[in-house]
């Protein structure tokens, strides 16, 4: 015969098993959502890294351009000084 204690123990074990299975399923769902979120975040970070890399390259090119402009202006100054010296000698 089944005693009331055995019935109570069986029902408690069954209920706890069902609850733990549901909690496990929810944890699985949460972890899958976190994985999706991390993949999107990784994509965003990769995009930001590429943008900052492109900006860095652009600033390097701009710096090279400004050095070139300074060199041209220094040549103009050099020629203007030589013209002044020639005019003063004449």
N, C-alpha and C. Protein backbone atom coordinates (compact mmCIF):
# COMPACT_ATOMS: atom_id res chain seq x y z
N UNK A 1 0.82 -1.18 0.00
CA UNK A 1 0.00 0.00 0.00
C UNK A 1 0.87 1.26 0.00
N UNK A 2 0.36 2.30 -0.59
CA UNK A 2 1.09 3.57 -0.66
C UNK A 2 0.72 4.40 0.56
N UNK A 3 1.70 4.80 1.25
CA UNK A 3 1.48 5.62 2.45
C UNK A 3 1.38 7.09 2.04
N UNK A 4 0.75 7.93 2.85
CA UNK A 4 0.64 9.37 2.54
C UNK A 4 2.01 10.05 2.44
N UNK A 5 2.98 9.58 3.19
CA UNK A 5 4.32 10.18 3.13
C UNK A 5 4.96 9.92 1.77
N UNK A 6 4.75 8.74 1.23
CA UNK A 6 5.30 8.42 -0.08
C UNK A 6 4.63 9.26 -1.17
N UNK A 7 3.34 9.45 -1.07
CA UNK A 7 2.61 10.28 -2.04
C UNK A 7 3.11 11.72 -1.97
N UNK A 8 3.27 12.23 -0.77
CA UNK A 8 3.76 13.60 -0.59
C UNK A 8 5.17 13.74 -1.14
N UNK A 9 6.02 12.77 -0.86
CA UNK A 9 7.40 12.81 -1.36
C UNK A 9 7.43 12.75 -2.89
N UNK A 10 6.64 11.89 -3.48
CA UNK A 10 6.57 11.77 -4.93
C UNK A 10 6.06 13.06 -5.56
N UNK A 11 5.04 13.66 -4.99
CA UNK A 11 4.49 14.91 -5.55
C UNK A 11 5.49 16.05 -5.41
N UNK A 12 6.20 16.13 -4.29
CA UNK A 12 7.19 17.19 -4.11
C UNK A 12 8.33 17.03 -5.11
N UNK A 13 8.82 15.81 -5.28
CA UNK A 13 9.90 15.56 -6.24
C UNK A 13 9.44 15.89 -7.66
N UNK A 14 8.23 15.53 -8.01
CA UNK A 14 7.70 15.82 -9.35
C UNK A 14 7.57 17.32 -9.57
N UNK A 15 7.02 18.02 -8.61
CA UNK A 15 6.85 19.47 -8.74
C UNK A 15 8.21 20.16 -8.84
N UNK A 16 9.16 19.75 -8.01
CA UNK A 16 10.49 20.37 -8.07
C UNK A 16 11.18 20.07 -9.40
N UNK A 17 11.00 18.88 -9.93
CA UNK A 17 11.58 18.54 -11.23
C UNK A 17 11.00 19.42 -12.32
N UNK A 18 9.71 19.60 -12.32
CA UNK A 18 9.06 20.46 -13.33
C UNK A 18 9.56 21.90 -13.20
N UNK A 19 9.64 22.39 -11.97
CA UNK A 19 10.11 23.77 -11.74
C UNK A 19 11.56 23.93 -12.22
N UNK A 20 12.41 22.96 -11.91
CA UNK A 20 13.81 23.05 -12.34
C UNK A 20 13.96 22.97 -13.86
N UNK A 21 13.11 22.16 -14.50
CA UNK A 21 13.14 22.10 -15.97
C UNK A 21 12.73 23.44 -16.55
N UNK A 22 11.70 24.07 -16.00
CA UNK A 22 11.27 25.39 -16.49
C UNK A 22 12.34 26.45 -16.25
N UNK A 23 12.97 26.41 -15.10
CA UNK A 23 14.05 27.37 -14.81
C UNK A 23 15.23 27.15 -15.77
N UNK A 24 15.56 25.89 -16.04
CA UNK A 24 16.62 25.59 -16.99
C UNK A 24 16.30 26.10 -18.38
N UNK A 25 15.05 25.93 -18.80
CA UNK A 25 14.64 26.42 -20.12
C UNK A 25 14.75 27.96 -20.18
N UNK A 26 14.34 28.64 -19.12
CA UNK A 26 14.44 30.10 -19.09
C UNK A 26 15.90 30.54 -19.12
N UNK A 27 16.76 29.85 -18.41
CA UNK A 27 18.19 30.19 -18.43
C UNK A 27 18.75 30.00 -19.83
N UNK A 28 18.34 28.93 -20.50
CA UNK A 28 18.77 28.71 -21.87
C UNK A 28 18.33 29.85 -22.78
N UNK A 29 17.09 30.28 -22.64
CA UNK A 29 16.58 31.39 -23.44
C UNK A 29 17.35 32.68 -23.16
N UNK A 30 17.63 32.94 -21.90
CA UNK A 30 18.37 34.15 -21.52
C UNK A 30 19.77 34.11 -22.12
N UNK A 31 20.43 32.97 -22.03
CA UNK A 31 21.79 32.86 -22.57
C UNK A 31 21.81 33.00 -24.09
N UNK A 32 20.78 32.50 -24.77
CA UNK A 32 20.73 32.67 -26.22
C UNK A 32 20.52 34.14 -26.59
N UNK A 33 19.70 34.86 -25.80
CA UNK A 33 19.51 36.30 -26.04
C UNK A 33 20.82 37.07 -25.78
N UNK A 34 21.53 36.69 -24.73
CA UNK A 34 22.80 37.34 -24.44
C UNK A 34 23.79 37.09 -25.58
N UNK A 35 23.79 35.89 -26.13
CA UNK A 35 24.68 35.57 -27.25
C UNK A 35 24.36 36.44 -28.46
N UNK A 36 23.06 36.58 -28.78
CA UNK A 36 22.66 37.45 -29.89
C UNK A 36 23.09 38.88 -29.65
N UNK A 37 22.90 39.35 -28.41
CA UNK A 37 23.27 40.72 -28.07
C UNK A 37 24.78 40.93 -28.21
N UNK A 38 25.56 39.94 -27.75
CA UNK A 38 27.01 40.06 -27.85
C UNK A 38 27.48 40.04 -29.30
N UNK A 39 26.81 39.28 -30.15
CA UNK A 39 27.16 39.26 -31.57
C UNK A 39 26.89 40.63 -32.20
N UNK A 40 25.75 41.24 -31.86
CA UNK A 40 25.44 42.58 -32.38
C UNK A 40 26.45 43.60 -31.85
N UNK A 41 26.79 43.49 -30.57
CA UNK A 41 27.76 44.40 -29.99
C UNK A 41 29.12 44.25 -30.66
N UNK A 42 29.51 43.01 -30.94
CA UNK A 42 30.77 42.76 -31.62
C UNK A 42 30.77 43.38 -33.01
N UNK A 43 29.65 43.28 -33.72
CA UNK A 43 29.54 43.90 -35.04
C UNK A 43 29.68 45.41 -34.94
N UNK A 44 29.04 46.00 -33.92
CA UNK A 44 29.14 47.45 -33.73
C UNK A 44 30.57 47.86 -33.40
N UNK A 45 31.24 47.10 -32.57
CA UNK A 45 32.62 47.43 -32.21
C UNK A 45 33.54 47.31 -33.44
N UNK A 46 33.33 46.28 -34.25
CA UNK A 46 34.12 46.13 -35.46
C UNK A 46 33.91 47.33 -36.39
N UNK A 47 32.67 47.78 -36.50
CA UNK A 47 32.38 48.96 -37.32
C UNK A 47 33.05 50.20 -36.77
N UNK A 48 33.02 50.36 -35.45
CA UNK A 48 33.67 51.52 -34.83
C UNK A 48 35.17 51.48 -35.03
N UNK A 49 35.76 50.30 -34.94
CA UNK A 49 37.20 50.17 -35.14
C UNK A 49 37.56 50.53 -36.57
N UNK A 50 36.76 50.09 -37.53
CA UNK A 50 37.07 50.41 -38.92
C UNK A 50 36.91 51.92 -39.18
N UNK A 51 35.89 52.53 -38.57
CA UNK A 51 35.70 53.98 -38.75
C UNK A 51 36.87 54.75 -38.15
N UNK A 52 37.28 54.39 -36.94
CA UNK A 52 38.40 55.10 -36.32
C UNK A 52 39.68 54.86 -37.08
N UNK A 53 39.86 53.66 -37.63
CA UNK A 53 41.04 53.40 -38.46
C UNK A 53 41.04 54.27 -39.70
N UNK A 54 39.87 54.40 -40.34
CA UNK A 54 39.77 55.25 -41.52
C UNK A 54 40.01 56.71 -41.17
N UNK A 55 39.50 57.15 -40.02
CA UNK A 55 39.74 58.53 -39.60
C UNK A 55 41.22 58.76 -39.35
N UNK A 56 41.88 57.79 -38.72
CA UNK A 56 43.32 57.92 -38.48
C UNK A 56 44.10 58.03 -39.78
N UNK A 57 43.74 57.22 -40.75
CA UNK A 57 44.41 57.29 -42.06
C UNK A 57 44.15 58.64 -42.72
N UNK A 58 42.91 59.13 -42.60
CA UNK A 58 42.58 60.42 -43.19
C UNK A 58 43.39 61.54 -42.55
N UNK A 59 43.53 61.49 -41.21
CA UNK A 59 44.30 62.52 -40.54
C UNK A 59 45.78 62.44 -40.92
N UNK A 60 46.29 61.23 -41.12
CA UNK A 60 47.67 61.09 -41.57
C UNK A 60 47.85 61.71 -42.95
N UNK A 61 46.90 61.45 -43.84
CA UNK A 61 46.97 62.02 -45.19
C UNK A 61 46.85 63.54 -45.13
N UNK A 62 45.97 64.02 -44.26
CA UNK A 62 45.81 65.47 -44.10
C UNK A 62 47.09 66.09 -43.56
N UNK A 63 47.74 65.39 -42.63
CA UNK A 63 49.01 65.89 -42.11
C UNK A 63 50.07 65.94 -43.20
N UNK A 64 50.12 64.92 -44.05
CA UNK A 64 51.06 64.93 -45.17
C UNK A 64 50.75 66.05 -46.14
N UNK A 65 49.45 66.30 -46.38
CA UNK A 65 49.06 67.39 -47.27
C UNK A 65 49.48 68.74 -46.69
N UNK A 66 49.29 68.91 -45.39
CA UNK A 66 49.66 70.20 -44.78
C UNK A 66 51.17 70.40 -44.81
N UNK A 67 51.93 69.31 -44.64
CA UNK A 67 53.39 69.44 -44.76
C UNK A 67 53.77 69.82 -46.17
N UNK A 68 53.08 69.27 -47.16
CA UNK A 68 53.34 69.64 -48.55
C UNK A 68 53.03 71.10 -48.81
N UNK A 69 51.93 71.58 -48.27
CA UNK A 69 51.56 72.99 -48.45
C UNK A 69 52.59 73.89 -47.78
N UNK A 70 53.06 73.51 -46.60
CA UNK A 70 54.10 74.29 -45.93
C UNK A 70 55.38 74.32 -46.75
N UNK A 71 55.71 73.20 -47.37
CA UNK A 71 56.92 73.15 -48.21
C UNK A 71 56.77 74.08 -49.41
N UNK A 72 55.59 74.10 -50.01
CA UNK A 72 55.36 74.99 -51.16
C UNK A 72 55.48 76.44 -50.73
N UNK A 73 54.88 76.79 -49.59
CA UNK A 73 54.97 78.17 -49.11
C UNK A 73 56.40 78.55 -48.76
N UNK A 74 57.16 77.62 -48.22
CA UNK A 74 58.57 77.93 -47.91
C UNK A 74 59.35 78.16 -49.20
N UNK A 75 59.02 77.42 -50.26
CA UNK A 75 59.67 77.67 -51.56
C UNK A 75 59.29 79.05 -52.09
N UNK A 76 58.01 79.41 -51.97
CA UNK A 76 57.59 80.75 -52.40
C UNK A 76 58.35 81.83 -51.63
N UNK A 77 58.50 81.65 -50.32
CA UNK A 77 59.24 82.62 -49.51
C UNK A 77 60.69 82.70 -49.96
N UNK A 78 61.27 81.53 -50.24
CA UNK A 78 62.67 81.49 -50.68
C UNK A 78 62.84 82.24 -52.00
N UNK A 79 61.93 82.00 -52.94
CA UNK A 79 62.02 82.72 -54.22
C UNK A 79 61.77 84.21 -54.05
N UNK A 80 60.85 84.59 -53.19
CA UNK A 80 60.58 86.02 -53.01
C UNK A 80 61.77 86.71 -52.35
N UNK A 81 62.45 86.01 -51.42
CA UNK A 81 63.64 86.59 -50.80
C UNK A 81 64.73 86.75 -51.85
N UNK A 82 64.90 85.77 -52.73
CA UNK A 82 65.92 85.87 -53.78
C UNK A 82 65.60 86.99 -54.75
N UNK A 83 64.33 87.20 -55.06
CA UNK A 83 63.96 88.30 -55.96
C UNK A 83 64.28 89.63 -55.30
N UNK A 84 64.01 89.75 -54.00
CA UNK A 84 64.30 90.99 -53.29
C UNK A 84 65.81 91.25 -53.28
N UNK A 85 66.58 90.20 -53.05
CA UNK A 85 68.04 90.35 -53.03
C UNK A 85 68.56 90.78 -54.40
N UNK A 86 67.97 90.24 -55.48
CA UNK A 86 68.40 90.64 -56.83
C UNK A 86 68.04 92.10 -57.08
N UNK A 87 66.85 92.49 -56.64
CA UNK A 87 66.44 93.89 -56.87
C UNK A 87 67.34 94.83 -56.07
N UNK A 88 67.74 94.42 -54.88
CA UNK A 88 68.60 95.27 -54.07
C UNK A 88 70.00 95.36 -54.65
N UNK A 89 70.47 94.28 -55.30
CA UNK A 89 71.79 94.30 -55.91
C UNK A 89 71.80 95.18 -57.16
N UNK A 90 70.69 95.23 -57.87
CA UNK A 90 70.65 96.04 -59.10
C UNK A 90 70.55 97.48 -58.76
